[in-house]
Amino acid sequence: MILQRLKAGAHNNLLGALCDSAAQVFWTTVEEKGKEIPEGDYTVRRTTKPIHGICFEVMNVPDREGILFHKGNTAADVDGCIGVGLGFTEFTNGPGIAQSAMGYSRFLRFLNGVQEFHLKIINAR
């Protein structure tokens, strides 16, 4: 999969797009600016966490651990992780991603049976 960062919004929201390697299926993403994962290639593994249930963890991030893909609409919701949704929207406190619960459910269905995948993160140019 490829996570292409698009822009930094207000209130530390770093918005992006996540797509499969064929660019056929995509989701929107939000990260917390200043806590984003460095640009590069990563392995992502399925895991289960008490707060998020089934989720996916980004492995081998320098000086970081516990970085998950999970539901979340703004940087305040993800605390260094990656929120997954189905579009962009404006909240009273700035831009974020829309329909996170539905988007994350779609993300999990797409990855049904997948234990690990490759993630390439590309910063906005």
PDB file of N, CA and C in Angstrom:
ATOM      1  N   MET A   1       0.844  -1.175   0.000  1.00  0.00           N
ATOM      2  CA  MET A   1       0.000   0.000   0.000  1.00  0.00           C
ATOM      3  C   MET A   1       0.888   1.237   0.000  1.00  0.00           C
ATOM      4  N   ILE A   2       0.309   2.327  -0.437  1.00  0.00           N
ATOM      5  CA  ILE A   2       1.023   3.596  -0.487  1.00  0.00           C
ATOM      6  C   ILE A   2       0.228   4.640   0.297  1.00  0.00           C
ATOM      7  N   LEU A   3       0.897   5.338   1.209  1.00  0.00           N
ATOM      8  CA  LEU A   3       0.302   6.464   1.910  1.00  0.00           C
ATOM      9  C   LEU A   3       0.982   7.713   1.364  1.00  0.00           C
ATOM     10  N   GLN A   4       0.223   8.521   0.638  1.00  0.00           N
ATOM     11  CA  GLN A   4       0.715   9.774   0.063  1.00  0.00           C
ATOM     12  C   GLN A   4       0.210  10.922   0.917  1.00  0.00           C
ATOM     13  N   ARG A   5       1.119  11.596   1.594  1.00  0.00           N
ATOM     14  CA  ARG A   5       0.706  12.759   2.379  1.00  0.00           C
ATOM     15  C   ARG A   5       0.373  13.892   1.426  1.00  0.00           C
ATOM     16  N   LEU A   6      -0.737  14.583   1.689  1.00  0.00           N
ATOM     17  CA  LEU A   6      -1.225  15.618   0.793  1.00  0.00           C
ATOM     18  C   LEU A   6      -0.951  17.018   1.307  1.00  0.00           C
ATOM     19  N   LYS A   7      -1.298  17.266   2.570  1.00  0.00           N
ATOM     20  CA  LYS A   7      -1.098  18.614   3.102  1.00  0.00           C
ATOM     21  C   LYS A   7      -1.240  18.609   4.614  1.00  0.00           C
ATOM     22  N   ALA A   8      -0.652  19.622   5.210  1.00  0.00           N
ATOM     23  CA  ALA A   8      -0.823  19.836   6.646  1.00  0.00           C
ATOM     24  C   ALA A   8      -1.954  20.832   6.824  1.00  0.00           C
ATOM     25  N   GLY A   9      -2.904  20.480   7.653  1.00  0.00           N
ATOM     26  CA  GLY A   9      -4.018  21.374   7.921  1.00  0.00           C
ATOM     27  C   GLY A   9      -3.822  22.082   9.253  1.00  0.00           C
ATOM     28  N   ALA A  10      -4.823  22.786   9.658  1.00  0.00           N
ATOM     29  CA  ALA A  10      -4.795  23.469  10.951  1.00  0.00           C
ATOM     30  C   ALA A  10      -4.834  22.444  12.080  1.00  0.00           C
ATOM     31  N   HIS A  11      -4.452  22.868  13.266  1.00  0.00           N
ATOM     32  CA  HIS A  11      -4.532  22.044  14.475  1.00  0.00           C
ATOM     33  C   HIS A  11      -3.748  20.738  14.346  1.00  0.00           C
ATOM     34  N   ASN A  12      -2.603  20.781  13.685  1.00  0.00           N
ATOM     35  CA  ASN A  12      -1.691  19.640  13.564  1.00  0.00           C
ATOM     36  C   ASN A  12      -2.242  18.475  12.756  1.00  0.00           C
ATOM     37  N   ASN A  13      -3.283  18.671  11.984  1.00  0.00           N
ATOM     38  CA  ASN A  13      -3.812  17.602  11.136  1.00  0.00           C
ATOM     39  C   ASN A  13      -2.962  17.480   9.870  1.00  0.00           C
ATOM     40  N   LEU A  14      -2.370  16.306   9.665  1.00  0.00           N
ATOM     41  CA  LEU A  14      -1.608  16.017   8.459  1.00  0.00           C
ATOM     42  C   LEU A  14      -2.439  15.039   7.641  1.00  0.00           C
ATOM     43  N   LEU A  15      -2.977  15.490   6.524  1.00  0.00           N
ATOM     44  CA  LEU A  15      -3.927  14.704   5.734  1.00  0.00           C
ATOM     45  C   LEU A  15      -3.224  13.960   4.612  1.00  0.00           C
ATOM     46  N   GLY A  16      -3.764  12.791   4.259  1.00  0.00           N
ATOM     47  CA  GLY A  16      -3.167  12.001   3.194  1.00  0.00           C
ATOM     48  C   GLY A  16      -4.163  11.073   2.547  1.00  0.00           C
ATOM     49  N   ALA A  17      -3.658  10.281   1.601  1.00  0.00           N
ATOM     50  CA  ALA A  17      -4.459   9.278   0.899  1.00  0.00           C
ATOM     51  C   ALA A  17      -3.708   7.955   0.953  1.00  0.00           C
ATOM     52  N   LEU A  18      -4.436   6.893   1.226  1.00  0.00           N
ATOM     53  CA  LEU A  18      -3.883   5.549   1.306  1.00  0.00           C
ATOM     54  C   LEU A  18      -4.519   4.724   0.204  1.00  0.00           C
ATOM     55  N   CYS A  19      -3.707   4.063  -0.620  1.00  0.00           N
ATOM     56  CA  CYS A  19      -4.279   3.238  -1.681  1.00  0.00           C
ATOM     57  C   CYS A  19      -3.540   1.912  -1.780  1.00  0.00           C
ATOM     58  N   ASP A  20      -4.216   0.935  -2.376  1.00  0.00           N
ATOM     59  CA  ASP A  20      -3.573  -0.344  -2.622  1.00  0.00           C
ATOM     60  C   ASP A  20      -2.538  -0.156  -3.725  1.00  0.00           C
ATOM     61  N   SER A  21      -1.703  -1.151  -3.946  1.00  0.00           N
ATOM     62  CA  SER A  21      -0.594  -1.016  -4.896  1.00  0.00           C
ATOM     63  C   SER A  21      -1.063  -0.781  -6.330  1.00  0.00           C
ATOM     64  N   ALA A  22      -2.288  -1.159  -6.656  1.00  0.00           N
ATOM     65  CA  ALA A  22      -2.823  -0.937  -8.002  1.00  0.00           C
ATOM     66  C   ALA A  22      -3.580   0.391  -8.105  1.00  0.00           C
ATOM     67  N   ALA A  23      -3.625   1.133  -7.009  1.00  0.00           N
ATOM     68  CA  ALA A  23      -4.349   2.413  -6.935  1.00  0.00           C
ATOM     69  C   ALA A  23      -5.823   2.253  -7.296  1.00  0.00           C
ATOM     70  N   GLN A  24      -6.394   1.125  -6.940  1.00  0.00           N
ATOM     71  CA  GLN A  24      -7.793   0.842  -7.222  1.00  0.00           C
ATOM     72  C   GLN A  24      -8.706   1.150  -6.043  1.00  0.00           C
ATOM     73  N   VAL A  25      -8.196   0.976  -4.833  1.00  0.00           N
ATOM     74  CA  VAL A  25      -8.985   1.181  -3.622  1.00  0.00           C
ATOM     75  C   VAL A  25      -8.256   2.230  -2.790  1.00  0.00           C
ATOM     76  N   PHE A  26      -8.994   3.194  -2.250  1.00  0.00           N
ATOM     77  CA  PHE A  26      -8.294   4.186  -1.443  1.00  0.00           C
ATOM     78  C   PHE A  26      -9.121   4.640  -0.246  1.00  0.00           C
ATOM     79  N   TRP A  27      -8.391   5.212   0.714  1.00  0.00           N
ATOM     80  CA  TRP A  27      -8.963   5.783   1.922  1.00  0.00           C
ATOM     81  C   TRP A  27      -8.271   7.115   2.167  1.00  0.00           C
ATOM     82  N   THR A  28      -8.853   7.943   2.995  1.00  0.00           N
ATOM     83  CA  THR A  28      -8.185   9.165   3.424  1.00  0.00           C
ATOM     84  C   THR A  28      -7.552   8.893   4.786  1.00  0.00           C
ATOM     85  N   THR A  29      -6.505   9.646   5.110  1.00  0.00           N
ATOM     86  CA  THR A  29      -5.810   9.433   6.373  1.00  0.00           C
ATOM     87  C   THR A  29      -5.576  10.756   7.094  1.00  0.00           C
ATOM     88  N   VAL A  30      -5.401  10.653   8.399  1.00  0.00           N
ATOM     89  CA  VAL A  30      -5.002  11.798   9.214  1.00  0.00           C
ATOM     90  C   VAL A  30      -3.921  11.327  10.178  1.00  0.00           C
ATOM     91  N   GLU A  31      -2.888  12.153  10.315  1.00  0.00           N
ATOM     92  CA  GLU A  31      -1.823  11.920  11.280  1.00  0.00           C
ATOM     93  C   GLU A  31      -1.619  13.208  12.063  1.00  0.00           C
ATOM     94  N   GLU A  32      -0.894  13.109  13.156  1.00  0.00           N
ATOM     95  CA  GLU A  32      -0.591  14.282  13.956  1.00  0.00           C
ATOM     96  C   GLU A  32       0.747  14.858  13.507  1.00  0.00           C
ATOM     97  N   LYS A  33       0.716  16.087  13.010  1.00  0.00           N
ATOM     98  CA  LYS A  33       1.946  16.733  12.548  1.00  0.00           C
ATOM     99  C   LYS A  33       2.938  16.804  13.700  1.00  0.00           C
ATOM    100  N   GLY A  34       4.174  16.428  13.418  1.00  0.00           N
ATOM    101  CA  GLY A  34       5.214  16.375  14.438  1.00  0.00           C
ATOM    102  C   GLY A  34       5.388  14.983  15.009  1.00  0.00           C
ATOM    103  N   LYS A  35       4.370  14.114  14.832  1.00  0.00           N
ATOM    104  CA  LYS A  35       4.458  12.720  15.271  1.00  0.00           C
ATOM    105  C   LYS A  35       4.319  11.763  14.089  1.00  0.00           C
ATOM    106  N   GLU A  36       4.376  12.299  12.864  1.00  0.00           N
ATOM    107  CA  GLU A  36       4.193  11.448  11.695  1.00  0.00           C
ATOM    108  C   GLU A  36       5.369  10.487  11.518  1.00  0.00           C
ATOM    109  N   ILE A  37       5.104   9.375  10.876  1.00  0.00           N
ATOM    110  CA  ILE A  37       6.120   8.371  10.561  1.00  0.00           C
ATOM    111  C   ILE A  37       7.009   8.939   9.461  1.00  0.00           C
ATOM    112  N   PRO A  38       8.323   8.774   9.569  1.00  0.00           N
ATOM    113  CA  PRO A  38       9.192   9.266   8.492  1.00  0.00           C
ATOM    114  C   PRO A  38       8.867   8.611   7.150  1.00  0.00           C
ATOM    115  N   GLU A  39       9.080   9.355   6.092  1.00  0.00           N
ATOM    116  CA  GLU A  39       8.912   8.841   4.739  1.00  0.00           C
ATOM    117  C   GLU A  39       9.777   7.583   4.600  1.00  0.00           C
ATOM    118  N   GLY A  40       9.249   6.557   3.927  1.00  0.00           N
ATOM    119  CA  GLY A  40      10.025   5.334   3.739  1.00  0.00           C
ATOM    120  C   GLY A  40       9.150   4.114   3.562  1.00  0.00           C
ATOM    121  N   ASP A  41       9.767   2.942   3.695  1.00  0.00           N
ATOM    122  CA  ASP A  41       9.104   1.656   3.510  1.00  0.00           C
ATOM    123  C   ASP A  41       9.004   0.926   4.840  1.00  0.00           C
ATOM    124  N   TYR A  42       7.829   0.349   5.094  1.00  0.00           N
ATOM    125  CA  TYR A  42       7.563  -0.302   6.372  1.00  0.00           C
ATOM    126  C   TYR A  42       6.758  -1.583   6.179  1.00  0.00           C
ATOM    127  N   THR A  43       6.878  -2.467   7.151  1.00  0.00           N
ATOM    128  CA  THR A  43       6.014  -3.638   7.248  1.00  0.00           C
ATOM    129  C   THR A  43       4.910  -3.291   8.242  1.00  0.00           C
ATOM    130  N   VAL A  44       3.687  -3.682   7.903  1.00  0.00           N
ATOM    131  CA  VAL A  44       2.535  -3.439   8.776  1.00  0.00           C
ATOM    132  C   VAL A  44       1.927  -4.797   9.113  1.00  0.00           C
ATOM    133  N   ARG A  45       1.697  -5.051  10.411  1.00  0.00           N
ATOM    134  CA  ARG A  45       1.187  -6.349  10.863  1.00  0.00           C
ATOM    135  C   ARG A  45      -0.144  -6.223  11.588  1.00  0.00           C
ATOM    136  N   ARG A  46      -0.987  -7.224  11.343  1.00  0.00           N
ATOM    137  CA  ARG A  46      -2.271  -7.324  12.055  1.00  0.00           C
ATOM    138  C   ARG A  46      -1.992  -7.603  13.525  1.00  0.00           C
ATOM    139  N   THR A  47      -2.758  -6.947  14.384  1.00  0.00           N
ATOM    140  CA  THR A  47      -2.639  -7.155  15.819  1.00  0.00           C
ATOM    141  C   THR A  47      -3.993  -6.890  16.459  1.00  0.00           C
ATOM    142  N   THR A  48      -4.104  -7.149  17.722  1.00  0.00           N
ATOM    143  CA  THR A  48      -5.323  -6.832  18.480  1.00  0.00           C
ATOM    144  C   THR A  48      -4.913  -6.043  19.711  1.00  0.00           C
ATOM    145  N   LYS A  49      -5.567  -4.920  19.925  1.00  0.00           N
ATOM    146  CA  LYS A  49      -5.280  -4.056  21.074  1.00  0.00           C
ATOM    147  C   LYS A  49      -6.566  -3.848  21.867  1.00  0.00           C
ATOM    148  N   PRO A  50      -6.462  -3.739  23.198  1.00  0.00           N
ATOM    149  CA  PRO A  50      -7.664  -3.586  24.028  1.00  0.00           C
ATOM    150  C   PRO A  50      -8.555  -2.413  23.620  1.00  0.00           C
ATOM    151  N   ILE A  51      -7.977  -1.275  23.276  1.00  0.00           N
ATOM    152  CA  ILE A  51      -8.789  -0.096  22.955  1.00  0.00           C
ATOM    153  C   ILE A  51      -9.377  -0.171  21.554  1.00  0.00           C
ATOM    154  N   HIS A  52      -8.600  -0.680  20.575  1.00  0.00           N
ATOM    155  CA  HIS A  52      -9.002  -0.620  19.170  1.00  0.00           C
ATOM    156  C   HIS A  52      -9.473  -1.944  18.588  1.00  0.00           C
ATOM    157  N   GLY A  53      -9.324  -3.046  19.317  1.00  0.00           N
ATOM    158  CA  GLY A  53      -9.675  -4.356  18.764  1.00  0.00           C
ATOM    159  C   GLY A  53      -8.685  -4.737  17.669  1.00  0.00           C
ATOM    160  N   ILE A  54      -9.194  -5.309  16.575  1.00  0.00           N
ATOM    161  CA  ILE A  54      -8.325  -5.674  15.461  1.00  0.00           C
ATOM    162  C   ILE A  54      -7.828  -4.405  14.793  1.00  0.00           C
ATOM    163  N   CYS A  55      -6.527  -4.316  14.610  1.00  0.00           N
ATOM    164  CA  CYS A  55      -5.930  -3.159  13.949  1.00  0.00           C
ATOM    165  C   CYS A  55      -4.617  -3.593  13.314  1.00  0.00           C
ATOM    166  N   PHE A  56      -3.940  -2.663  12.695  1.00  0.00           N
ATOM    167  CA  PHE A  56      -2.668  -2.953  12.042  1.00  0.00           C
ATOM    168  C   PHE A  56      -1.604  -2.019  12.600  1.00  0.00           C
ATOM    169  N   GLU A  57      -0.427  -2.599  12.942  1.00  0.00           N
ATOM    170  CA  GLU A  57       0.670  -1.849  13.543  1.00  0.00           C
ATOM    171  C   GLU A  57       1.813  -1.686  12.553  1.00  0.00           C
ATOM    172  N   VAL A  58       2.314  -0.465  12.437  1.00  0.00           N
ATOM    173  CA  VAL A  58       3.463  -0.168  11.581  1.00  0.00           C
ATOM    174  C   VAL A  58       4.722  -0.550  12.360  1.00  0.00           C
ATOM    175  N   MET A  59       5.536  -1.434  11.781  1.00  0.00           N
ATOM    176  CA  MET A  59       6.700  -1.983  12.465  1.00  0.00           C
ATOM    177  C   MET A  59       7.980  -1.219  12.098  1.00  0.00           C
ATOM    178  N   ASN A  60       8.948  -1.287  13.013  1.00  0.00           N
ATOM    179  CA  ASN A  60      10.313  -0.796  12.786  1.00  0.00           C
ATOM    180  C   ASN A  60      10.401   0.680  12.418  1.00  0.00           C
ATOM    181  N   VAL A  61       9.585   1.496  13.064  1.00  0.00           N
ATOM    182  CA  VAL A  61       9.684   2.940  12.890  1.00  0.00           C
ATOM    183  C   VAL A  61      10.766   3.424  13.856  1.00  0.00           C
ATOM    184  N   PRO A  62      11.761   4.151  13.356  1.00  0.00           N
ATOM    185  CA  PRO A  62      12.849   4.593  14.237  1.00  0.00           C
ATOM    186  C   PRO A  62      12.342   5.351  15.466  1.00  0.00           C
ATOM    187  N   ASP A  63      12.788   4.917  16.628  1.00  0.00           N
ATOM    188  CA  ASP A  63      12.483   5.562  17.915  1.00  0.00           C
ATOM    189  C   ASP A  63      11.003   5.617  18.261  1.00  0.00           C
ATOM    190  N   ARG A  64      10.204   4.745  17.656  1.00  0.00           N
ATOM    191  CA  ARG A  64       8.764   4.733  17.926  1.00  0.00           C
ATOM    192  C   ARG A  64       8.263   3.294  17.959  1.00  0.00           C
ATOM    193  N   GLU A  65       7.166   3.078  18.637  1.00  0.00           N
ATOM    194  CA  GLU A  65       6.469   1.794  18.599  1.00  0.00           C
ATOM    195  C   GLU A  65       5.000   2.027  18.895  1.00  0.00           C
ATOM    196  N   GLY A  66       4.190   1.014  18.610  1.00  0.00           N
ATOM    197  CA  GLY A  66       2.756   1.135  18.882  1.00  0.00           C
ATOM    198  C   GLY A  66       2.013   2.057  17.937  1.00  0.00           C
ATOM    199  N   ILE A  67       2.522   2.233  16.711  1.00  0.00           N
ATOM    200  CA  ILE A  67       1.848   3.086  15.726  1.00  0.00           C
ATOM    201  C   ILE A  67       0.822   2.238  14.988  1.00  0.00           C
ATOM    202  N   LEU A  68      -0.435   2.587  15.134  1.00  0.00           N
ATOM    203  CA  LEU A  68      -1.521   1.769  14.611  1.00  0.00           C
ATOM    204  C   LEU A  68      -2.318   2.502  13.534  1.00  0.00           C
ATOM    205  N   PHE A  69      -2.930   1.741  12.647  1.00  0.00           N
ATOM    206  CA  PHE A  69      -4.024   2.228  11.807  1.00  0.00           C
ATOM    207  C   PHE A  69      -5.280   1.963  12.621  1.00  0.00           C
ATOM    208  N   HIS A  70      -6.113   2.991  12.812  1.00  0.00           N
ATOM    209  CA  HIS A  70      -7.385   2.809  13.515  1.00  0.00           C
ATOM    210  C   HIS A  70      -8.323   3.956  13.173  1.00  0.00           C
ATOM    211  N   LYS A  71      -9.519   3.942  13.744  1.00  0.00           N
ATOM    212  CA  LYS A  71     -10.489   5.013  13.518  1.00  0.00           C
ATOM    213  C   LYS A  71      -9.986   6.311  14.129  1.00  0.00           C
ATOM    214  N   GLY A  72     -10.345   7.425  13.501  1.00  0.00           N
ATOM    215  CA  GLY A  72     -10.005   8.739  14.034  1.00  0.00           C
ATOM    216  C   GLY A  72     -10.187   9.787  12.956  1.00  0.00           C
ATOM    217  N   ASN A  73     -10.805  10.902  13.306  1.00  0.00           N
ATOM    218  CA  ASN A  73     -11.113  11.948  12.324  1.00  0.00           C
ATOM    219  C   ASN A  73     -10.116  13.101  12.307  1.00  0.00           C
ATOM    220  N   THR A  74      -9.442  13.337  13.434  1.00  0.00           N
ATOM    221  CA  THR A  74      -8.497  14.455  13.523  1.00  0.00           C
ATOM    222  C   THR A  74      -7.234  13.992  14.247  1.00  0.00           C
ATOM    223  N   ALA A  75      -6.210  14.839  14.220  1.00  0.00           N
ATOM    224  CA  ALA A  75      -4.956  14.523  14.912  1.00  0.00           C
ATOM    225  C   ALA A  75      -5.199  14.245  16.393  1.00  0.00           C
ATOM    226  N   ALA A  76      -6.156  14.930  16.992  1.00  0.00           N
ATOM    227  CA  ALA A  76      -6.471  14.719  18.407  1.00  0.00           C
ATOM    228  C   ALA A  76      -6.960  13.298  18.671  1.00  0.00           C
ATOM    229  N   ASP A  77      -7.522  12.640  17.659  1.00  0.00           N
ATOM    230  CA  ASP A  77      -8.048  11.280  17.813  1.00  0.00           C
ATOM    231  C   ASP A  77      -6.978  10.202  17.648  1.00  0.00           C
ATOM    232  N   VAL A  78      -5.853  10.533  17.024  1.00  0.00           N
ATOM    233  CA  VAL A  78      -4.907   9.472  16.646  1.00  0.00           C
ATOM    234  C   VAL A  78      -3.626   9.445  17.470  1.00  0.00           C
ATOM    235  N   ASP A  79      -3.231  10.517  18.124  1.00  0.00           N
ATOM    236  CA  ASP A  79      -2.077  10.561  19.020  1.00  0.00           C
ATOM    237  C   ASP A  79      -0.866   9.795  18.489  1.00  0.00           C
ATOM    238  N   GLY A  80      -0.388  10.174  17.318  1.00  0.00           N
ATOM    239  CA  GLY A  80       0.800   9.546  16.742  1.00  0.00           C
ATOM    240  C   GLY A  80       0.517   8.355  15.857  1.00  0.00           C
ATOM    241  N   CYS A  81      -0.741   7.946  15.774  1.00  0.00           N
ATOM    242  CA  CYS A  81      -1.126   6.830  14.913  1.00  0.00           C
ATOM    243  C   CYS A  81      -1.680   7.363  13.586  1.00  0.00           C
ATOM    244  N   ILE A  82      -2.334   6.498  12.807  1.00  0.00           N
ATOM    245  CA  ILE A  82      -2.900   6.887  11.514  1.00  0.00           C
ATOM    246  C   ILE A  82      -4.395   6.599  11.527  1.00  0.00           C
ATOM    247  N   GLY A  83      -5.196   7.627  11.379  1.00  0.00           N
ATOM    248  CA  GLY A  83      -6.644   7.471  11.274  1.00  0.00           C
ATOM    249  C   GLY A  83      -7.036   7.233   9.828  1.00  0.00           C
ATOM    250  N   VAL A  84      -8.035   6.383   9.619  1.00  0.00           N
ATOM    251  CA  VAL A  84      -8.486   6.005   8.278  1.00  0.00           C
ATOM    252  C   VAL A  84      -9.935   6.435   8.100  1.00  0.00           C
ATOM    253  N   GLY A  85     -10.254   7.030   6.936  1.00  0.00           N
ATOM    254  CA  GLY A  85     -11.618   7.466   6.663  1.00  0.00           C
ATOM    255  C   GLY A  85     -11.961   7.401   5.194  1.00  0.00           C
ATOM    256  N   LEU A  86     -13.057   8.083   4.813  1.00  0.00           N
ATOM    257  CA  LEU A  86     -13.563   8.024   3.433  1.00  0.00           C
ATOM    258  C   LEU A  86     -13.758   9.399   2.814  1.00  0.00           C
ATOM    259  N   GLY A  87     -12.955  10.345   3.142  1.00  0.00           N
ATOM    260  CA  GLY A  87     -13.070  11.670   2.545  1.00  0.00           C
ATOM    261  C   GLY A  87     -12.532  12.704   3.501  1.00  0.00           C
ATOM    262  N   PHE A  88     -12.525  13.947   3.056  1.00  0.00           N
ATOM    263  CA  PHE A  88     -12.069  15.048   3.887  1.00  0.00           C
ATOM    264  C   PHE A  88     -13.267  15.904   4.267  1.00  0.00           C
ATOM    265  N   THR A  89     -13.168  16.538   5.417  1.00  0.00           N
ATOM    266  CA  THR A  89     -14.247  17.393   5.884  1.00  0.00           C
ATOM    267  C   THR A  89     -13.678  18.498   6.759  1.00  0.00           C
ATOM    268  N   GLU A  90     -14.499  19.475   7.071  1.00  0.00           N
ATOM    269  CA  GLU A  90     -14.127  20.555   7.979  1.00  0.00           C
ATOM    270  C   GLU A  90     -14.860  20.353   9.295  1.00  0.00           C
ATOM    271  N   PHE A  91     -14.101  20.402  10.381  1.00  0.00           N
ATOM    272  CA  PHE A  91     -14.669  20.391  11.719  1.00  0.00           C
ATOM    273  C   PHE A  91     -14.524  21.802  12.285  1.00  0.00           C
ATOM    274  N   THR A  92     -15.149  22.076  13.402  1.00  0.00           N
ATOM    275  CA  THR A  92     -15.029  23.412  13.990  1.00  0.00           C
ATOM    276  C   THR A  92     -13.581  23.728  14.357  1.00  0.00           C
ATOM    277  N   ASN A  93     -12.790  22.707  14.621  1.00  0.00           N
ATOM    278  CA  ASN A  93     -11.391  22.939  14.975  1.00  0.00           C
ATOM    279  C   ASN A  93     -10.438  22.694  13.803  1.00  0.00           C
ATOM    280  N   GLY A  94     -10.948  22.684  12.571  1.00  0.00           N
ATOM    281  CA  GLY A  94     -10.084  22.549  11.399  1.00  0.00           C
ATOM    282  C   GLY A  94     -10.402  21.341  10.548  1.00  0.00           C
ATOM    283  N   PRO A  95      -9.589  21.104   9.510  1.00  0.00           N
ATOM    284  CA  PRO A  95      -9.843  20.003   8.586  1.00  0.00           C
ATOM    285  C   PRO A  95      -9.516  18.647   9.197  1.00  0.00           C
ATOM    286  N   GLY A  96     -10.187  17.627   8.689  1.00  0.00           N
ATOM    287  CA  GLY A  96      -9.943  16.263   9.131  1.00  0.00           C
ATOM    288  C   GLY A  96     -10.486  15.301   8.093  1.00  0.00           C
ATOM    289  N   ILE A  97     -10.643  14.062   8.500  1.00  0.00           N
ATOM    290  CA  ILE A  97     -11.189  13.066   7.578  1.00  0.00           C
ATOM    291  C   ILE A  97     -12.605  12.686   7.991  1.00  0.00           C
ATOM    292  N   ALA A  98     -13.401  12.354   6.994  1.00  0.00           N
ATOM    293  CA  ALA A  98     -14.820  12.041   7.199  1.00  0.00           C
ATOM    294  C   ALA A  98     -15.029  10.535   7.289  1.00  0.00           C
ATOM    295  N   GLN A  99     -16.112  10.152   7.892  1.00  0.00           N
ATOM    296  CA  GLN A  99     -16.596   8.771   7.933  1.00  0.00           C
ATOM    297  C   GLN A  99     -15.512   7.782   8.346  1.00  0.00           C
ATOM    298  N   SER A 100     -14.864   8.083   9.445  1.00  0.00           N
ATOM    299  CA  SER A 100     -13.775   7.227   9.893  1.00  0.00           C
ATOM    300  C   SER A 100     -14.245   5.809  10.252  1.00  0.00           C
ATOM    301  N   ALA A 101     -15.342   5.680  10.948  1.00  0.00           N
ATOM    302  CA  ALA A 101     -15.827   4.347  11.321  1.00  0.00           C
ATOM    303  C   ALA A 101     -16.113   3.506  10.078  1.00  0.00           C
ATOM    304  N   MET A 102     -16.789   4.087   9.105  1.00  0.00           N
ATOM    305  CA  MET A 102     -17.105   3.368   7.878  1.00  0.00           C
ATOM    306  C   MET A 102     -15.828   3.078   7.079  1.00  0.00           C
ATOM    307  N   GLY A 103     -14.939   4.061   6.995  1.00  0.00           N
ATOM    308  CA  GLY A 103     -13.693   3.880   6.264  1.00  0.00           C
ATOM    309  C   GLY A 103     -12.815   2.809   6.882  1.00  0.00           C
ATOM    310  N   TYR A 104     -12.741   2.806   8.204  1.00  0.00           N
ATOM    311  CA  TYR A 104     -11.916   1.801   8.873  1.00  0.00           C
ATOM    312  C   TYR A 104     -12.523   0.411   8.717  1.00  0.00           C
ATOM    313  N   SER A 105     -13.834   0.319   8.770  1.00  0.00           N
ATOM    314  CA  SER A 105     -14.504  -0.967   8.542  1.00  0.00           C
ATOM    315  C   SER A 105     -14.197  -1.483   7.136  1.00  0.00           C
ATOM    316  N   ARG A 106     -14.241  -0.601   6.159  1.00  0.00           N
ATOM    317  CA  ARG A 106     -13.910  -0.972   4.771  1.00  0.00           C
ATOM    318  C   ARG A 106     -12.443  -1.413   4.666  1.00  0.00           C
ATOM    319  N   PHE A 107     -11.547  -0.698   5.353  1.00  0.00           N
ATOM    320  CA  PHE A 107     -10.126  -1.034   5.399  1.00  0.00           C
ATOM    321  C   PHE A 107      -9.934  -2.456   5.954  1.00  0.00           C
ATOM    322  N   LEU A 108     -10.607  -2.772   7.062  1.00  0.00           N
ATOM    323  CA  LEU A 108     -10.497  -4.121   7.648  1.00  0.00           C
ATOM    324  C   LEU A 108     -11.059  -5.188   6.724  1.00  0.00           C
ATOM    325  N   ARG A 109     -12.180  -4.911   6.062  1.00  0.00           N
ATOM    326  CA  ARG A 109     -12.743  -5.887   5.117  1.00  0.00           C
ATOM    327  C   ARG A 109     -11.790  -6.126   3.951  1.00  0.00           C
ATOM    328  N   PHE A 110     -11.181  -5.052   3.448  1.00  0.00           N
ATOM    329  CA  PHE A 110     -10.225  -5.169   2.350  1.00  0.00           C
ATOM    330  C   PHE A 110      -9.036  -6.050   2.759  1.00  0.00           C
ATOM    331  N   LEU A 111      -8.631  -5.959   4.015  1.00  0.00           N
ATOM    332  CA  LEU A 111      -7.478  -6.709   4.510  1.00  0.00           C
ATOM    333  C   LEU A 111      -7.872  -7.995   5.232  1.00  0.00           C
ATOM    334  N   ASN A 112      -9.100  -8.443   5.039  1.00  0.00           N
ATOM    335  CA  ASN A 112      -9.555  -9.680   5.660  1.00  0.00           C
ATOM    336  C   ASN A 112      -8.608 -10.824   5.298  1.00  0.00           C
ATOM    337  N   GLY A 113      -8.077 -11.501   6.302  1.00  0.00           N
ATOM    338  CA  GLY A 113      -7.172 -12.626   6.077  1.00  0.00           C
ATOM    339  C   GLY A 113      -5.717 -12.232   5.868  1.00  0.00           C
ATOM    340  N   VAL A 114      -5.455 -10.945   5.719  1.00  0.00           N
ATOM    341  CA  VAL A 114      -4.077 -10.464   5.531  1.00  0.00           C
ATOM    342  C   VAL A 114      -3.435 -10.297   6.906  1.00  0.00           C
ATOM    343  N   GLN A 115      -2.273 -10.894   7.099  1.00  0.00           N
ATOM    344  CA  GLN A 115      -1.562 -10.769   8.367  1.00  0.00           C
ATOM    345  C   GLN A 115      -0.528  -9.661   8.350  1.00  0.00           C
ATOM    346  N   GLU A 116      -0.014  -9.339   7.147  1.00  0.00           N
ATOM    347  CA  GLU A 116       0.996  -8.293   7.045  1.00  0.00           C
ATOM    348  C   GLU A 116       1.028  -7.753   5.625  1.00  0.00           C
ATOM    349  N   PHE A 117       1.393  -6.475   5.500  1.00  0.00           N
ATOM    350  CA  PHE A 117       1.530  -5.876   4.176  1.00  0.00           C
ATOM    351  C   PHE A 117       2.651  -4.844   4.181  1.00  0.00           C
ATOM    352  N   HIS A 118       3.083  -4.475   2.996  1.00  0.00           N
ATOM    353  CA  HIS A 118       4.133  -3.470   2.815  1.00  0.00           C
ATOM    354  C   HIS A 118       3.472  -2.096   2.685  1.00  0.00           C
ATOM    355  N   LEU A 119       4.045  -1.100   3.354  1.00  0.00           N
ATOM    356  CA  LEU A 119       3.556   0.273   3.297  1.00  0.00           C
ATOM    357  C   LEU A 119       4.685   1.184   2.859  1.00  0.00           C
ATOM    358  N   LYS A 120       4.421   1.975   1.847  1.00  0.00           N
ATOM    359  CA  LYS A 120       5.366   3.004   1.406  1.00  0.00           C
ATOM    360  C   LYS A 120       4.742   4.353   1.725  1.00  0.00           C
ATOM    361  N   ILE A 121       5.470   5.185   2.489  1.00  0.00           N
ATOM    362  CA  ILE A 121       4.989   6.510   2.847  1.00  0.00           C
ATOM    363  C   ILE A 121       5.756   7.541   2.024  1.00  0.00           C
ATOM    364  N   ILE A 122       4.999   8.422   1.376  1.00  0.00           N
ATOM    365  CA  ILE A 122       5.577   9.460   0.528  1.00  0.00           C
ATOM    366  C   ILE A 122       5.072  10.806   1.022  1.00  0.00           C
ATOM    367  N   ASN A 123       5.984  11.719   1.274  1.00  0.00           N
ATOM    368  CA  ASN A 123       5.606  13.065   1.718  1.00  0.00           C
ATOM    369  C   ASN A 123       5.118  13.898   0.542  1.00  0.00           C
ATOM    370  N   ALA A 124       4.298  14.897   0.838  1.00  0.00           N
ATOM    371  CA  ALA A 124       3.853  15.854  -0.196  1.00  0.00           C
ATOM    372  C   ALA A 124       5.072  16.581  -0.749  1.00  0.00           C
ATOM    373  N   ARG A 125       5.044  16.855  -2.013  1.00  0.00           N
ATOM    374  CA  ARG A 125       6.168  17.555  -2.665  1.00  0.00           C
ATOM    375  C   ARG A 125       5.771  18.964  -2.988  1.00  0.00           C
TER     376      ARG A 125
END
